[in-house]
Amino acid sequence: MPNPPKPNEVKRKLGNPGKRALPNTAKLIALPMADEPPTPPRPLGPEGIKLWNRIWEQARTWISSNSDLEMVTLLCESMDERTQLRLQVLRGTGDWRDRVALRSLDGQLQTMLSLLGMSPTDRTKLGVAEVQARSKIQDLLLKHNGSKKK
């Protein structure tokens, strides 16, 4: 099975290893950034709402409220479904098929989260965020500033 195609952003970051023509960045359309989480287009349960707010707060710089709305909605609906299915499995009210369905749904959720750039690897590929380790000096400064507040 072939690898999925890489987004143009990733190709640019890697220096276009395939040497195929990439779209001109001057002709790219800038998608508007969401100022605050948009209203979900369909009703969501409690876990779906939590995920909805978390995604729009953490990924607002690279997720568009216009073009990515349906993907985020589908992800949050799937999270609600996962919560219900997991409760069934934990209570023992279902059969083995429920456990298999739960694992399958987990894989789908992971794929959707990756498509939205919500994993460390995908954020790195998009070039939007990178977790950096704190130095010992930064740790000491944090401790020092924390002790001043007390």
C-alpha atoms as a PDB file:
ATOM      1  CA  MET A   1       0.000   0.000   0.000  1.00  0.00           C
ATOM      2  CA  PRO A   2       1.564   3.352  -0.992  1.00  0.00           C
ATOM      3  CA  ASN A   3       2.275   6.105   1.492  1.00  0.00           C
ATOM      4  CA  PRO A   4      -0.304   8.889   1.714  1.00  0.00           C
ATOM      5  CA  PRO A   5       0.602  12.081  -0.141  1.00  0.00           C
ATOM      6  CA  LYS A   6       2.527  14.684   1.823  1.00  0.00           C
ATOM      7  CA  PRO A   7       1.001  18.134   2.227  1.00  0.00           C
ATOM      8  CA  ASN A   8       2.747  20.894   0.275  1.00  0.00           C
ATOM      9  CA  GLU A   9       3.796  22.514   3.551  1.00  0.00           C
ATOM     10  CA  VAL A  10       5.771  19.384   4.447  1.00  0.00           C
ATOM     11  CA  LYS A  11       7.355  19.217   0.983  1.00  0.00           C
ATOM     12  CA  ARG A  12       8.464  22.853   1.270  1.00  0.00           C
ATOM     13  CA  LYS A  13       9.911  22.246   4.727  1.00  0.00           C
ATOM     14  CA  LEU A  14      11.900  19.244   3.442  1.00  0.00           C
ATOM     15  CA  GLY A  15      13.194  21.184   0.440  1.00  0.00           C
ATOM     16  CA  ASN A  16      10.890  19.486  -2.106  1.00  0.00           C
ATOM     17  CA  PRO A  17      12.720  16.119  -2.267  1.00  0.00           C
ATOM     18  CA  GLY A  18      10.556  14.866  -5.178  1.00  0.00           C
ATOM     19  CA  LYS A  19      11.469  17.935  -7.281  1.00  0.00           C
ATOM     20  CA  ARG A  20       7.891  18.217  -8.575  1.00  0.00           C
ATOM     21  CA  ALA A  21       6.515  21.699  -9.098  1.00  0.00           C
ATOM     22  CA  LEU A  22       4.821  23.089  -5.992  1.00  0.00           C
ATOM     23  CA  PRO A  23       2.066  25.713  -6.059  1.00  0.00           C
ATOM     24  CA  ASN A  24       3.279  29.290  -5.952  1.00  0.00           C
ATOM     25  CA  THR A  25       2.988  30.597  -2.371  1.00  0.00           C
ATOM     26  CA  ALA A  26       2.015  34.035  -3.685  1.00  0.00           C
ATOM     27  CA  LYS A  27      -1.174  32.513  -5.105  1.00  0.00           C
ATOM     28  CA  LEU A  28      -2.162  30.704  -1.901  1.00  0.00           C
ATOM     29  CA  ILE A  29      -5.342  31.834  -0.192  1.00  0.00           C
ATOM     30  CA  ALA A  30      -4.947  32.685   3.483  1.00  0.00           C
ATOM     31  CA  LEU A  31      -7.709  31.046   5.494  1.00  0.00           C
ATOM     32  CA  PRO A  32      -9.114  33.145   8.345  1.00  0.00           C
ATOM     33  CA  MET A  33      -8.103  32.171  11.873  1.00  0.00           C
ATOM     34  CA  ALA A  34     -10.918  31.572  14.361  1.00  0.00           C
ATOM     35  CA  ASP A  35     -11.000  34.214  17.114  1.00  0.00           C
ATOM     36  CA  GLU A  36     -13.003  31.893  19.351  1.00  0.00           C
ATOM     37  CA  PRO A  37     -14.448  28.391  18.978  1.00  0.00           C
ATOM     38  CA  PRO A  38     -17.307  28.407  16.455  1.00  0.00           C
ATOM     39  CA  THR A  39     -20.675  26.902  17.330  1.00  0.00           C
ATOM     40  CA  PRO A  40     -20.813  23.187  16.421  1.00  0.00           C
ATOM     41  CA  PRO A  41     -23.116  22.629  13.420  1.00  0.00           C
ATOM     42  CA  ARG A  42     -24.680  19.574  15.092  1.00  0.00           C
ATOM     43  CA  PRO A  43     -25.341  18.725  18.747  1.00  0.00           C
ATOM     44  CA  LEU A  44     -22.418  17.233  20.665  1.00  0.00           C
ATOM     45  CA  GLY A  45     -22.248  15.372  23.968  1.00  0.00           C
ATOM     46  CA  PRO A  46     -20.112  16.430  26.942  1.00  0.00           C
ATOM     47  CA  GLU A  47     -16.873  14.775  25.760  1.00  0.00           C
ATOM     48  CA  GLY A  48     -17.402  16.042  22.225  1.00  0.00           C
ATOM     49  CA  ILE A  49     -17.842  19.610  23.504  1.00  0.00           C
ATOM     50  CA  LYS A  50     -14.655  19.328  25.599  1.00  0.00           C
ATOM     51  CA  LEU A  51     -12.688  18.121  22.578  1.00  0.00           C
ATOM     52  CA  TRP A  52     -14.309  20.781  20.352  1.00  0.00           C
ATOM     53  CA  ASN A  53     -13.175  23.593  22.646  1.00  0.00           C
ATOM     54  CA  ARG A  54      -9.712  22.095  23.140  1.00  0.00           C
ATOM     55  CA  ILE A  55      -9.111  21.778  19.388  1.00  0.00           C
ATOM     56  CA  TRP A  56     -10.251  25.308  18.587  1.00  0.00           C
ATOM     57  CA  GLU A  57      -8.172  26.741  21.431  1.00  0.00           C
ATOM     58  CA  GLN A  58      -4.972  24.799  20.725  1.00  0.00           C
ATOM     59  CA  ALA A  59      -5.005  24.622  16.927  1.00  0.00           C
ATOM     60  CA  ARG A  60      -6.668  27.880  15.919  1.00  0.00           C
ATOM     61  CA  THR A  61      -3.556  29.070  14.085  1.00  0.00           C
ATOM     62  CA  TRP A  62      -3.643  26.253  11.535  1.00  0.00           C
ATOM     63  CA  ILE A  63      -7.266  25.046  11.521  1.00  0.00           C
ATOM     64  CA  SER A  64      -9.847  27.050   9.582  1.00  0.00           C
ATOM     65  CA  SER A  65     -13.360  27.546  10.916  1.00  0.00           C
ATOM     66  CA  ASN A  66     -14.524  27.574   7.279  1.00  0.00           C
ATOM     67  CA  SER A  67     -12.862  24.608   5.631  1.00  0.00           C
ATOM     68  CA  ASP A  68     -12.118  22.335   8.616  1.00  0.00           C
ATOM     69  CA  LEU A  69     -15.428  22.661  10.460  1.00  0.00           C
ATOM     70  CA  GLU A  70     -16.860  19.358   9.214  1.00  0.00           C
ATOM     71  CA  MET A  71     -13.690  17.402  10.041  1.00  0.00           C
ATOM     72  CA  VAL A  72     -13.619  18.758  13.601  1.00  0.00           C
ATOM     73  CA  THR A  73     -17.351  18.049  13.979  1.00  0.00           C
ATOM     74  CA  LEU A  74     -16.914  14.458  12.792  1.00  0.00           C
ATOM     75  CA  LEU A  75     -13.999  13.990  15.188  1.00  0.00           C
ATOM     76  CA  CYS A  76     -16.003  15.294  18.155  1.00  0.00           C
ATOM     77  CA  GLU A  77     -19.042  13.169  17.275  1.00  0.00           C
ATOM     78  CA  SER A  78     -16.746  10.143  17.106  1.00  0.00           C
ATOM     79  CA  MET A  79     -15.356  11.021  20.543  1.00  0.00           C
ATOM     80  CA  ASP A  80     -18.906  11.054  21.945  1.00  0.00           C
ATOM     81  CA  GLU A  81     -19.533   7.671  20.330  1.00  0.00           C
ATOM     82  CA  ARG A  82     -16.274   6.354  21.816  1.00  0.00           C
ATOM     83  CA  THR A  83     -17.320   7.474  25.296  1.00  0.00           C
ATOM     84  CA  GLN A  84     -20.630   5.605  25.052  1.00  0.00           C
ATOM     85  CA  LEU A  85     -19.006   2.508  23.581  1.00  0.00           C
ATOM     86  CA  ARG A  86     -16.280   2.501  26.235  1.00  0.00           C
ATOM     87  CA  LEU A  87     -18.880   2.660  29.019  1.00  0.00           C
ATOM     88  CA  GLN A  88     -20.628  -0.354  27.492  1.00  0.00           C
ATOM     89  CA  VAL A  89     -17.361  -2.292  27.404  1.00  0.00           C
ATOM     90  CA  LEU A  90     -16.412  -1.324  30.971  1.00  0.00           C
ATOM     91  CA  ARG A  91     -19.855  -2.249  32.325  1.00  0.00           C
ATOM     92  CA  GLY A  92     -19.722  -5.584  30.543  1.00  0.00           C
ATOM     93  CA  THR A  93     -23.139  -5.015  28.938  1.00  0.00           C
ATOM     94  CA  GLY A  94     -21.844  -5.624  25.401  1.00  0.00           C
ATOM     95  CA  ASP A  95     -20.023  -8.507  23.798  1.00  0.00           C
ATOM     96  CA  TRP A  96     -16.578  -8.909  22.204  1.00  0.00           C
ATOM     97  CA  ARG A  97     -17.711  -7.006  19.110  1.00  0.00           C
ATOM     98  CA  ASP A  98     -18.031  -3.834  21.190  1.00  0.00           C
ATOM     99  CA  ARG A  99     -14.398  -4.105  22.279  1.00  0.00           C
ATOM    100  CA  VAL A 100     -13.315  -4.625  18.651  1.00  0.00           C
ATOM    101  CA  ALA A 101     -15.440  -1.645  17.579  1.00  0.00           C
ATOM    102  CA  LEU A 102     -13.866   0.475  20.325  1.00  0.00           C
ATOM    103  CA  ARG A 103     -10.339  -0.343  19.130  1.00  0.00           C
ATOM    104  CA  SER A 104     -11.349   0.388  15.543  1.00  0.00           C
ATOM    105  CA  LEU A 105     -12.856   3.715  16.590  1.00  0.00           C
ATOM    106  CA  ASP A 106      -9.657   4.551  18.508  1.00  0.00           C
ATOM    107  CA  GLY A 107      -7.702   4.114  15.276  1.00  0.00           C
ATOM    108  CA  GLN A 108     -10.117   6.350  13.384  1.00  0.00           C
ATOM    109  CA  LEU A 109      -9.856   9.021  16.083  1.00  0.00           C
ATOM    110  CA  GLN A 110      -6.073   8.895  15.944  1.00  0.00           C
ATOM    111  CA  THR A 111      -6.168   9.319  12.161  1.00  0.00           C
ATOM    112  CA  MET A 112      -8.538  12.291  12.382  1.00  0.00           C
ATOM    113  CA  LEU A 113      -6.438  13.929  15.098  1.00  0.00           C
ATOM    114  CA  SER A 114      -3.350  13.493  12.918  1.00  0.00           C
ATOM    115  CA  LEU A 115      -5.103  14.958   9.890  1.00  0.00           C
ATOM    116  CA  LEU A 116      -5.837  18.045  11.972  1.00  0.00           C
ATOM    117  CA  GLY A 117      -2.212  18.318  13.123  1.00  0.00           C
ATOM    118  CA  MET A 118      -2.970  17.356  16.730  1.00  0.00           C
ATOM    119  CA  SER A 119      -0.035  14.982  17.271  1.00  0.00           C
ATOM    120  CA  PRO A 120       3.566  16.075  17.934  1.00  0.00           C
ATOM    121  CA  THR A 121       4.746  14.459  14.705  1.00  0.00           C
ATOM    122  CA  ASP A 122       2.083  16.125  12.587  1.00  0.00           C
ATOM    123  CA  ARG A 123       2.684  19.542  14.167  1.00  0.00           C
ATOM    124  CA  THR A 124       6.373  19.157  13.373  1.00  0.00           C
ATOM    125  CA  LYS A 125       5.584  18.205   9.774  1.00  0.00           C
ATOM    126  CA  LEU A 126       3.386  21.277   9.433  1.00  0.00           C
ATOM    127  CA  GLY A 127       6.034  23.412  11.079  1.00  0.00           C
ATOM    128  CA  VAL A 128       3.497  25.029  13.418  1.00  0.00           C
ATOM    129  CA  ALA A 129       4.770  24.052  16.856  1.00  0.00           C
ATOM    130  CA  GLU A 130       7.619  22.347  18.598  1.00  0.00           C
ATOM    131  CA  VAL A 131       7.989  21.356  22.236  1.00  0.00           C
ATOM    132  CA  GLN A 132      11.308  22.510  23.626  1.00  0.00           C
ATOM    133  CA  ALA A 133      12.994  21.259  26.764  1.00  0.00           C
ATOM    134  CA  ARG A 134      13.685  23.819  29.481  1.00  0.00           C
ATOM    135  CA  SER A 135      17.276  24.451  30.440  1.00  0.00           C
ATOM    136  CA  LYS A 136      18.453  24.255  34.050  1.00  0.00           C
ATOM    137  CA  ILE A 137      18.688  28.048  34.105  1.00  0.00           C
ATOM    138  CA  GLN A 138      15.037  28.338  33.030  1.00  0.00           C
ATOM    139  CA  ASP A 139      14.049  25.873  35.771  1.00  0.00           C
ATOM    140  CA  LEU A 140      15.942  27.912  38.375  1.00  0.00           C
ATOM    141  CA  LEU A 141      14.324  31.141  37.171  1.00  0.00           C
ATOM    142  CA  LEU A 142      10.879  29.553  37.377  1.00  0.00           C
ATOM    143  CA  LYS A 143      11.557  28.352  40.932  1.00  0.00           C
ATOM    144  CA  HIS A 144      12.949  31.756  41.896  1.00  0.00           C
ATOM    145  CA  ASN A 145       9.960  33.634  40.455  1.00  0.00           C
ATOM    146  CA  GLY A 146       7.552  31.154  42.058  1.00  0.00           C
ATOM    147  CA  SER A 147       9.100  31.656  45.497  1.00  0.00           C
ATOM    148  CA  LYS A 148       8.754  35.454  45.171  1.00  0.00           C
ATOM    149  CA  LYS A 149       4.989  35.149  44.684  1.00  0.00           C
ATOM    150  CA  LYS A 150       4.479  33.340  47.996  1.00  0.00           C
END
